[in-house]
Amino acid sequence: MIIRIMGEGQYRAPEALCDELNQIDNKIVALVAEGNAEEFRTELVKLISEIKEKGEAIGAEEILESDIIVPPEDLSFEEAKAIFTGAGIIED
């Protein structure tokens, strides 16, 4: 699976990582629904860190279509309300 972190580039993620990311994504959806901005920020940073640490960075010269687009760490809580709804950014 190809994941783009907005403003930071693309990463190739193995299936096992996708399952882990889906769990974090689901938690973010719940936190946004609860209005918990502080924990939302912590989990968003965790999501992005996991992608960077466990995914394989794709060079800028390689152009691939992204399966998932992850918002940047500085996403506001108000913006998150429009993005992290329903199944979130990673569908089961």
PDB file of N, CA and C in Angstrom:
ATOM      1  N   MET A   1       0.845  -1.174   0.000  1.00  0.00           N
ATOM      2  CA  MET A   1       0.000   0.000   0.000  1.00  0.00           C
ATOM      3  C   MET A   1       0.895   1.243   0.000  1.00  0.00           C
ATOM      4  N   ILE A   2       0.501   2.231  -0.764  1.00  0.00           N
ATOM      5  CA  ILE A   2       1.254   3.484  -0.861  1.00  0.00           C
ATOM      6  C   ILE A   2       0.530   4.554  -0.035  1.00  0.00           C
ATOM      7  N   ILE A   3       1.270   5.153   0.896  1.00  0.00           N
ATOM      8  CA  ILE A   3       0.705   6.165   1.785  1.00  0.00           C
ATOM      9  C   ILE A   3       1.446   7.479   1.566  1.00  0.00           C
ATOM     10  N   ARG A   4       0.693   8.547   1.363  1.00  0.00           N
ATOM     11  CA  ARG A   4       1.285   9.883   1.255  1.00  0.00           C
ATOM     12  C   ARG A   4       0.992  10.643   2.539  1.00  0.00           C
ATOM     13  N   ILE A   5       2.045  11.204   3.113  1.00  0.00           N
ATOM     14  CA  ILE A   5       1.884  12.136   4.228  1.00  0.00           C
ATOM     15  C   ILE A   5       1.974  13.517   3.588  1.00  0.00           C
ATOM     16  N   MET A   6       0.914  14.280   3.671  1.00  0.00           N
ATOM     17  CA  MET A   6       0.861  15.579   2.995  1.00  0.00           C
ATOM     18  C   MET A   6       2.044  16.443   3.402  1.00  0.00           C
ATOM     19  N   GLY A   7       2.763  16.930   2.402  1.00  0.00           N
ATOM     20  CA  GLY A   7       3.897  17.802   2.631  1.00  0.00           C
ATOM     21  C   GLY A   7       5.188  17.082   2.986  1.00  0.00           C
ATOM     22  N   GLU A   8       5.159  15.735   3.064  1.00  0.00           N
ATOM     23  CA  GLU A   8       6.353  15.008   3.487  1.00  0.00           C
ATOM     24  C   GLU A   8       6.763  13.880   2.559  1.00  0.00           C
ATOM     25  N   GLY A   9       5.920  13.468   1.648  1.00  0.00           N
ATOM     26  CA  GLY A   9       6.296  12.417   0.720  1.00  0.00           C
ATOM     27  C   GLY A   9       5.492  11.134   0.884  1.00  0.00           C
ATOM     28  N   GLN A  10       5.926  10.108   0.137  1.00  0.00           N
ATOM     29  CA  GLN A  10       5.208   8.836   0.097  1.00  0.00           C
ATOM     30  C   GLN A  10       6.019   7.718   0.747  1.00  0.00           C
ATOM     31  N   TYR A  11       5.267   6.728   1.257  1.00  0.00           N
ATOM     32  CA  TYR A  11       5.861   5.558   1.900  1.00  0.00           C
ATOM     33  C   TYR A  11       5.146   4.310   1.436  1.00  0.00           C
ATOM     34  N   ARG A  12       5.909   3.244   1.270  1.00  0.00           N
ATOM     35  CA  ARG A  12       5.345   1.934   0.951  1.00  0.00           C
ATOM     36  C   ARG A  12       5.159   1.219   2.285  1.00  0.00           C
ATOM     37  N   ALA A  13       3.945   0.753   2.558  1.00  0.00           N
ATOM     38  CA  ALA A  13       3.636   0.125   3.839  1.00  0.00           C
ATOM     39  C   ALA A  13       3.253  -1.340   3.642  1.00  0.00           C
ATOM     40  N   PRO A  14       3.871  -2.241   4.414  1.00  0.00           N
ATOM     41  CA  PRO A  14       3.476  -3.649   4.351  1.00  0.00           C
ATOM     42  C   PRO A  14       2.093  -3.841   4.979  1.00  0.00           C
ATOM     43  N   GLU A  15       1.447  -4.939   4.650  1.00  0.00           N
ATOM     44  CA  GLU A  15       0.083  -5.212   5.132  1.00  0.00           C
ATOM     45  C   GLU A  15      -0.016  -5.176   6.657  1.00  0.00           C
ATOM     46  N   ALA A  16       0.985  -5.737   7.344  1.00  0.00           N
ATOM     47  CA  ALA A  16       0.963  -5.755   8.810  1.00  0.00           C
ATOM     48  C   ALA A  16       0.928  -4.337   9.373  1.00  0.00           C
ATOM     49  N   LEU A  17       1.645  -3.411   8.750  1.00  0.00           N
ATOM     50  CA  LEU A  17       1.638  -2.026   9.199  1.00  0.00           C
ATOM     51  C   LEU A  17       0.277  -1.394   8.948  1.00  0.00           C
ATOM     52  N   CYS A  18      -0.353  -1.726   7.845  1.00  0.00           N
ATOM     53  CA  CYS A  18      -1.671  -1.169   7.520  1.00  0.00           C
ATOM     54  C   CYS A  18      -2.698  -1.527   8.591  1.00  0.00           C
ATOM     55  N   ASP A  19      -2.630  -2.753   9.096  1.00  0.00           N
ATOM     56  CA  ASP A  19      -3.546  -3.162  10.164  1.00  0.00           C
ATOM     57  C   ASP A  19      -3.329  -2.315  11.419  1.00  0.00           C
ATOM     58  N   GLU A  20      -2.070  -2.086  11.752  1.00  0.00           N
ATOM     59  CA  GLU A  20      -1.726  -1.266  12.920  1.00  0.00           C
ATOM     60  C   GLU A  20      -2.192   0.181  12.725  1.00  0.00           C
ATOM     61  N   LEU A  21      -1.964   0.705  11.539  1.00  0.00           N
ATOM     62  CA  LEU A  21      -2.378   2.075  11.237  1.00  0.00           C
ATOM     63  C   LEU A  21      -3.895   2.220  11.283  1.00  0.00           C
ATOM     64  N   ASN A  22      -4.607   1.196  10.849  1.00  0.00           N
ATOM     65  CA  ASN A  22      -6.069   1.224  10.885  1.00  0.00           C
ATOM     66  C   ASN A  22      -6.568   1.331  12.323  1.00  0.00           C
ATOM     67  N   GLN A  23      -5.908   0.650  13.238  1.00  0.00           N
ATOM     68  CA  GLN A  23      -6.299   0.734  14.650  1.00  0.00           C
ATOM     69  C   GLN A  23      -6.104   2.148  15.191  1.00  0.00           C
ATOM     70  N   ILE A  24      -4.976   2.752  14.840  1.00  0.00           N
ATOM     71  CA  ILE A  24      -4.721   4.136  15.278  1.00  0.00           C
ATOM     72  C   ILE A  24      -5.736   5.077  14.641  1.00  0.00           C
ATOM     73  N   ASP A  25      -6.019   4.883  13.367  1.00  0.00           N
ATOM     74  CA  ASP A  25      -6.995   5.697  12.642  1.00  0.00           C
ATOM     75  C   ASP A  25      -8.376   5.604  13.302  1.00  0.00           C
ATOM     76  N   ASN A  26      -8.785   4.401  13.654  1.00  0.00           N
ATOM     77  CA  ASN A  26     -10.081   4.224  14.316  1.00  0.00           C
ATOM     78  C   ASN A  26     -10.121   4.938  15.664  1.00  0.00           C
ATOM     79  N   LYS A  27      -8.998   4.920  16.382  1.00  0.00           N
ATOM     80  CA  LYS A  27      -8.930   5.621  17.661  1.00  0.00           C
ATOM     81  C   LYS A  27      -9.047   7.131  17.441  1.00  0.00           C
ATOM     82  N   ILE A  28      -8.397   7.634  16.389  1.00  0.00           N
ATOM     83  CA  ILE A  28      -8.481   9.065  16.079  1.00  0.00           C
ATOM     84  C   ILE A  28      -9.925   9.450  15.769  1.00  0.00           C
ATOM     85  N   VAL A  29     -10.620   8.636  14.994  1.00  0.00           N
ATOM     86  CA  VAL A  29     -12.029   8.909  14.673  1.00  0.00           C
ATOM     87  C   VAL A  29     -12.846   9.027  15.960  1.00  0.00           C
ATOM     88  N   ALA A  30     -12.630   8.098  16.892  1.00  0.00           N
ATOM     89  CA  ALA A  30     -13.365   8.121  18.162  1.00  0.00           C
ATOM     90  C   ALA A  30     -13.018   9.367  18.976  1.00  0.00           C
ATOM     91  N   LEU A  31     -11.755   9.728  19.022  1.00  0.00           N
ATOM     92  CA  LEU A  31     -11.331  10.909  19.788  1.00  0.00           C
ATOM     93  C   LEU A  31     -11.915  12.187  19.205  1.00  0.00           C
ATOM     94  N   VAL A  32     -11.950  12.277  17.883  1.00  0.00           N
ATOM     95  CA  VAL A  32     -12.536  13.454  17.234  1.00  0.00           C
ATOM     96  C   VAL A  32     -14.030  13.524  17.550  1.00  0.00           C
ATOM     97  N   ALA A  33     -14.700  12.388  17.494  1.00  0.00           N
ATOM     98  CA  ALA A  33     -16.137  12.352  17.804  1.00  0.00           C
ATOM     99  C   ALA A  33     -16.408  12.770  19.251  1.00  0.00           C
ATOM    100  N   GLU A  34     -15.488  12.429  20.151  1.00  0.00           N
ATOM    101  CA  GLU A  34     -15.624  12.787  21.569  1.00  0.00           C
ATOM    102  C   GLU A  34     -15.245  14.242  21.833  1.00  0.00           C
ATOM    103  N   GLY A  35     -14.556  14.871  20.882  1.00  0.00           N
ATOM    104  CA  GLY A  35     -14.102  16.241  21.081  1.00  0.00           C
ATOM    105  C   GLY A  35     -12.797  16.325  21.861  1.00  0.00           C
ATOM    106  N   ASN A  36     -12.038  15.242  21.889  1.00  0.00           N
ATOM    107  CA  ASN A  36     -10.792  15.178  22.660  1.00  0.00           C
ATOM    108  C   ASN A  36      -9.612  15.625  21.788  1.00  0.00           C
ATOM    109  N   ALA A  37      -9.390  16.933  21.727  1.00  0.00           N
ATOM    110  CA  ALA A  37      -8.362  17.504  20.852  1.00  0.00           C
ATOM    111  C   ALA A  37      -6.952  17.121  21.280  1.00  0.00           C
ATOM    112  N   GLU A  38      -6.697  17.044  22.571  1.00  0.00           N
ATOM    113  CA  GLU A  38      -5.345  16.744  23.057  1.00  0.00           C
ATOM    114  C   GLU A  38      -4.919  15.320  22.677  1.00  0.00           C
ATOM    115  N   GLU A  39      -5.762  14.354  22.946  1.00  0.00           N
ATOM    116  CA  GLU A  39      -5.443  12.963  22.608  1.00  0.00           C
ATOM    117  C   GLU A  39      -5.430  12.754  21.095  1.00  0.00           C
ATOM    118  N   PHE A  40      -6.293  13.485  20.386  1.00  0.00           N
ATOM    119  CA  PHE A  40      -6.282  13.424  18.918  1.00  0.00           C
ATOM    120  C   PHE A  40      -4.900  13.766  18.392  1.00  0.00           C
ATOM    121  N   ARG A  41      -4.326  14.855  18.891  1.00  0.00           N
ATOM    122  CA  ARG A  41      -3.004  15.300  18.431  1.00  0.00           C
ATOM    123  C   ARG A  41      -1.952  14.225  18.702  1.00  0.00           C
ATOM    124  N   THR A  42      -1.992  13.626  19.877  1.00  0.00           N
ATOM    125  CA  THR A  42      -1.037  12.574  20.236  1.00  0.00           C
ATOM    126  C   THR A  42      -1.138  11.393  19.276  1.00  0.00           C
ATOM    127  N   GLU A  43      -2.344  10.980  18.963  1.00  0.00           N
ATOM    128  CA  GLU A  43      -2.552   9.824  18.083  1.00  0.00           C
ATOM    129  C   GLU A  43      -2.196  10.139  16.626  1.00  0.00           C
ATOM    130  N   LEU A  44      -2.448  11.376  16.191  1.00  0.00           N
ATOM    131  CA  LEU A  44      -2.066  11.760  14.827  1.00  0.00           C
ATOM    132  C   LEU A  44      -0.542  11.719  14.676  1.00  0.00           C
ATOM    133  N   VAL A  45       0.169  12.236  15.667  1.00  0.00           N
ATOM    134  CA  VAL A  45       1.633  12.191  15.652  1.00  0.00           C
ATOM    135  C   VAL A  45       2.108  10.742  15.643  1.00  0.00           C
ATOM    136  N   LYS A  46       1.451   9.904  16.422  1.00  0.00           N
ATOM    137  CA  LYS A  46       1.795   8.473  16.474  1.00  0.00           C
ATOM    138  C   LYS A  46       1.575   7.820  15.104  1.00  0.00           C
ATOM    139  N   LEU A  47       0.457   8.121  14.467  1.00  0.00           N
ATOM    140  CA  LEU A  47       0.149   7.569  13.147  1.00  0.00           C
ATOM    141  C   LEU A  47       1.248   7.916  12.142  1.00  0.00           C
ATOM    142  N   ILE A  48       1.622   9.177  12.103  1.00  0.00           N
ATOM    143  CA  ILE A  48       2.639   9.634  11.164  1.00  0.00           C
ATOM    144  C   ILE A  48       4.000   9.028  11.500  1.00  0.00           C
ATOM    145  N   SER A  49       4.330   8.953  12.770  1.00  0.00           N
ATOM    146  CA  SER A  49       5.613   8.363  13.191  1.00  0.00           C
ATOM    147  C   SER A  49       5.717   6.902  12.785  1.00  0.00           C
ATOM    148  N   GLU A  50       4.629   6.154  12.951  1.00  0.00           N
ATOM    149  CA  GLU A  50       4.630   4.732  12.589  1.00  0.00           C
ATOM    150  C   GLU A  50       4.869   4.559  11.088  1.00  0.00           C
ATOM    151  N   ILE A  51       4.261   5.410  10.295  1.00  0.00           N
ATOM    152  CA  ILE A  51       4.444   5.335   8.839  1.00  0.00           C
ATOM    153  C   ILE A  51       5.908   5.605   8.496  1.00  0.00           C
ATOM    154  N   LYS A  52       6.481   6.642   9.080  1.00  0.00           N
ATOM    155  CA  LYS A  52       7.861   7.010   8.782  1.00  0.00           C
ATOM    156  C   LYS A  52       8.855   5.951   9.256  1.00  0.00           C
ATOM    157  N   GLU A  53       8.605   5.388  10.436  1.00  0.00           N
ATOM    158  CA  GLU A  53       9.535   4.427  11.025  1.00  0.00           C
ATOM    159  C   GLU A  53       9.446   3.039  10.398  1.00  0.00           C
ATOM    160  N   LYS A  54       8.237   2.595  10.079  1.00  0.00           N
ATOM    161  CA  LYS A  54       8.043   1.216   9.622  1.00  0.00           C
ATOM    162  C   LYS A  54       7.777   1.089   8.128  1.00  0.00           C
ATOM    163  N   GLY A  55       7.474   2.213   7.488  1.00  0.00           N
ATOM    164  CA  GLY A  55       7.258   2.195   6.045  1.00  0.00           C
ATOM    165  C   GLY A  55       8.577   2.424   5.317  1.00  0.00           C
ATOM    166  N   GLU A  56       8.542   2.195   4.033  1.00  0.00           N
ATOM    167  CA  GLU A  56       9.726   2.403   3.192  1.00  0.00           C
ATOM    168  C   GLU A  56       9.520   3.683   2.388  1.00  0.00           C
ATOM    169  N   ALA A  57      10.393   4.665   2.619  1.00  0.00           N
ATOM    170  CA  ALA A  57      10.278   5.943   1.917  1.00  0.00           C
ATOM    171  C   ALA A  57      10.438   5.731   0.413  1.00  0.00           C
ATOM    172  N   ILE A  58       9.609   6.405  -0.351  1.00  0.00           N
ATOM    173  CA  ILE A  58       9.668   6.343  -1.818  1.00  0.00           C
ATOM    174  C   ILE A  58      10.310   7.630  -2.304  1.00  0.00           C
ATOM    175  N   GLY A  59      11.301   7.507  -3.150  1.00  0.00           N
ATOM    176  CA  GLY A  59      12.011   8.675  -3.665  1.00  0.00           C
ATOM    177  C   GLY A  59      11.110   9.600  -4.466  1.00  0.00           C
ATOM    178  N   ALA A  60      11.456  10.870  -4.450  1.00  0.00           N
ATOM    179  CA  ALA A  60      10.661  11.885  -5.148  1.00  0.00           C
ATOM    180  C   ALA A  60      10.626  11.660  -6.661  1.00  0.00           C
ATOM    181  N   GLU A  61      11.636  10.970  -7.191  1.00  0.00           N
ATOM    182  CA  GLU A  61      11.672  10.717  -8.638  1.00  0.00           C
ATOM    183  C   GLU A  61      10.674   9.643  -9.066  1.00  0.00           C
ATOM    184  N   GLU A  62      10.200   8.866  -8.113  1.00  0.00           N
ATOM    185  CA  GLU A  62       9.224   7.813  -8.408  1.00  0.00           C
ATOM    186  C   GLU A  62       7.821   8.356  -8.147  1.00  0.00           C
ATOM    187  N   ILE A  63       6.985   8.383  -9.173  1.00  0.00           N
ATOM    188  CA  ILE A  63       5.639   8.928  -9.042  1.00  0.00           C
ATOM    189  C   ILE A  63       4.636   7.779  -9.013  1.00  0.00           C
ATOM    190  N   LEU A  64       3.991   7.633  -7.872  1.00  0.00           N
ATOM    191  CA  LEU A  64       3.004   6.567  -7.682  1.00  0.00           C
ATOM    192  C   LEU A  64       1.708   7.155  -7.148  1.00  0.00           C
ATOM    193  N   GLU A  65       0.605   6.521  -7.501  1.00  0.00           N
ATOM    194  CA  GLU A  65      -0.687   6.939  -6.960  1.00  0.00           C
ATOM    195  C   GLU A  65      -0.774   6.484  -5.504  1.00  0.00           C
ATOM    196  N   SER A  66      -1.234   7.359  -4.634  1.00  0.00           N
ATOM    197  CA  SER A  66      -1.352   7.038  -3.213  1.00  0.00           C
ATOM    198  C   SER A  66      -2.675   6.324  -2.939  1.00  0.00           C
ATOM    199  N   ASP A  67      -2.609   5.270  -2.127  1.00  0.00           N
ATOM    200  CA  ASP A  67      -3.818   4.575  -1.682  1.00  0.00           C
ATOM    201  C   ASP A  67      -4.473   5.319  -0.522  1.00  0.00           C
ATOM    202  N   ILE A  68      -3.638   5.938   0.303  1.00  0.00           N
ATOM    203  CA  ILE A  68      -4.108   6.670   1.479  1.00  0.00           C
ATOM    204  C   ILE A  68      -3.352   7.986   1.546  1.00  0.00           C
ATOM    205  N   ILE A  69      -4.054   9.045   1.888  1.00  0.00           N
ATOM    206  CA  ILE A  69      -3.414  10.341   2.097  1.00  0.00           C
ATOM    207  C   ILE A  69      -3.631  10.725   3.548  1.00  0.00           C
ATOM    208  N   VAL A  70      -2.516  10.915   4.252  1.00  0.00           N
ATOM    209  CA  VAL A  70      -2.551  11.255   5.674  1.00  0.00           C
ATOM    210  C   VAL A  70      -2.305  12.759   5.807  1.00  0.00           C
ATOM    211  N   PRO A  71      -3.141  13.438   6.571  1.00  0.00           N
ATOM    212  CA  PRO A  71      -2.936  14.873   6.751  1.00  0.00           C
ATOM    213  C   PRO A  71      -1.656  15.144   7.549  1.00  0.00           C
ATOM    214  N   PRO A  72      -1.132  16.366   7.469  1.00  0.00           N
ATOM    215  CA  PRO A  72       0.091  16.704   8.200  1.00  0.00           C
ATOM    216  C   PRO A  72      -0.149  16.799   9.708  1.00  0.00           C
ATOM    217  N   GLU A  73       0.946  16.760  10.468  1.00  0.00           N
ATOM    218  CA  GLU A  73       0.856  16.830  11.930  1.00  0.00           C
ATOM    219  C   GLU A  73       0.210  18.109  12.425  1.00  0.00           C
ATOM    220  N   ASP A  74       0.314  19.189  11.648  1.00  0.00           N
ATOM    221  CA  ASP A  74      -0.233  20.464  12.105  1.00  0.00           C
ATOM    222  C   ASP A  74      -1.713  20.643  11.741  1.00  0.00           C
ATOM    223  N   LEU A  75      -2.361  19.559  11.368  1.00  0.00           N
ATOM    224  CA  LEU A  75      -3.799  19.608  11.072  1.00  0.00           C
ATOM    225  C   LEU A  75      -4.549  20.143  12.291  1.00  0.00           C
ATOM    226  N   SER A  76      -5.430  21.094  12.078  1.00  0.00           N
ATOM    227  CA  SER A  76      -6.193  21.631  13.209  1.00  0.00           C
ATOM    228  C   SER A  76      -7.306  20.646  13.595  1.00  0.00           C
ATOM    229  N   PHE A  77      -7.761  20.776  14.818  1.00  0.00           N
ATOM    230  CA  PHE A  77      -8.834  19.896  15.287  1.00  0.00           C
ATOM    231  C   PHE A  77     -10.106  20.142  14.475  1.00  0.00           C
ATOM    232  N   GLU A  78     -10.353  21.383  14.104  1.00  0.00           N
ATOM    233  CA  GLU A  78     -11.527  21.701  13.284  1.00  0.00           C
ATOM    234  C   GLU A  78     -11.450  21.007  11.928  1.00  0.00           C
ATOM    235  N   GLU A  79     -10.253  21.014  11.313  1.00  0.00           N
ATOM    236  CA  GLU A  79     -10.067  20.325  10.033  1.00  0.00           C
ATOM    237  C   GLU A  79     -10.225  18.813  10.210  1.00  0.00           C
ATOM    238  N   ALA A  80      -9.763  18.307  11.331  1.00  0.00           N
ATOM    239  CA  ALA A  80      -9.846  16.864  11.612  1.00  0.00           C
ATOM    240  C   ALA A  80     -11.293  16.392  11.662  1.00  0.00           C
ATOM    241  N   LYS A  81     -12.185  17.245  12.106  1.00  0.00           N
ATOM    242  CA  LYS A  81     -13.603  16.876  12.199  1.00  0.00           C
ATOM    243  C   LYS A  81     -14.180  16.526  10.828  1.00  0.00           C
ATOM    244  N   ALA A  82     -13.645  17.119   9.769  1.00  0.00           N
ATOM    245  CA  ALA A  82     -14.130  16.839   8.423  1.00  0.00           C
ATOM    246  C   ALA A  82     -13.447  15.619   7.803  1.00  0.00           C
ATOM    247  N   ILE A  83     -12.271  15.255   8.316  1.00  0.00           N
ATOM    248  CA  ILE A  83     -11.485  14.171   7.721  1.00  0.00           C
ATOM    249  C   ILE A  83     -11.665  12.849   8.453  1.00  0.00           C
ATOM    250  N   PHE A  84     -11.597  12.886   9.779  1.00  0.00           N
ATOM    251  CA  PHE A  84     -11.658  11.660  10.573  1.00  0.00           C
ATOM    252  C   PHE A  84     -13.088  11.393  11.024  1.00  0.00           C
ATOM    253  N   THR A  85     -13.894  10.923  10.065  1.00  0.00           N
ATOM    254  CA  THR A  85     -15.284  10.566  10.339  1.00  0.00           C
ATOM    255  C   THR A  85     -15.547   9.168   9.780  1.00  0.00           C
ATOM    256  N   GLY A  86     -16.618   8.565  10.164  1.00  0.00           N
ATOM    257  CA  GLY A  86     -16.994   7.251   9.627  1.00  0.00           C
ATOM    258  C   GLY A  86     -15.885   6.230   9.799  1.00  0.00           C
ATOM    259  N   ALA A  87     -15.361   5.715   8.688  1.00  0.00           N
ATOM    260  CA  ALA A  87     -14.297   4.719   8.724  1.00  0.00           C
ATOM    261  C   ALA A  87     -12.924   5.362   8.840  1.00  0.00           C
ATOM    262  N   GLY A  88     -12.851   6.710   8.824  1.00  0.00           N
ATOM    263  CA  GLY A  88     -11.566   7.392   8.913  1.00  0.00           C
ATOM    264  C   GLY A  88     -10.871   7.437   7.563  1.00  0.00           C
ATOM    265  N   ILE A  89      -9.553   7.600   7.588  1.00  0.00           N
ATOM    266  CA  ILE A  89      -8.802   7.696   6.336  1.00  0.00           C
ATOM    267  C   ILE A  89      -8.363   6.330   5.820  1.00  0.00           C
ATOM    268  N   ILE A  90      -8.381   5.327   6.711  1.00  0.00           N
ATOM    269  CA  ILE A  90      -8.001   3.976   6.328  1.00  0.00           C
ATOM    270  C   ILE A  90      -9.234   3.091   6.469  1.00  0.00           C
ATOM    271  N   GLU A  91      -9.757   2.641   5.353  1.00  0.00           N
ATOM    272  CA  GLU A  91     -10.963   1.819   5.399  1.00  0.00           C
ATOM    273  C   GLU A  91     -10.617   0.373   5.698  1.00  0.00           C
ATOM    274  N   ASP A  92     -11.464  -0.263   6.492  1.00  0.00           N
ATOM    275  CA  ASP A  92     -11.237  -1.660   6.880  1.00  0.00           C
ATOM    276  C   ASP A  92     -11.241  -2.581   5.683  1.00  0.00           C
TER     277      ASP A  92
END
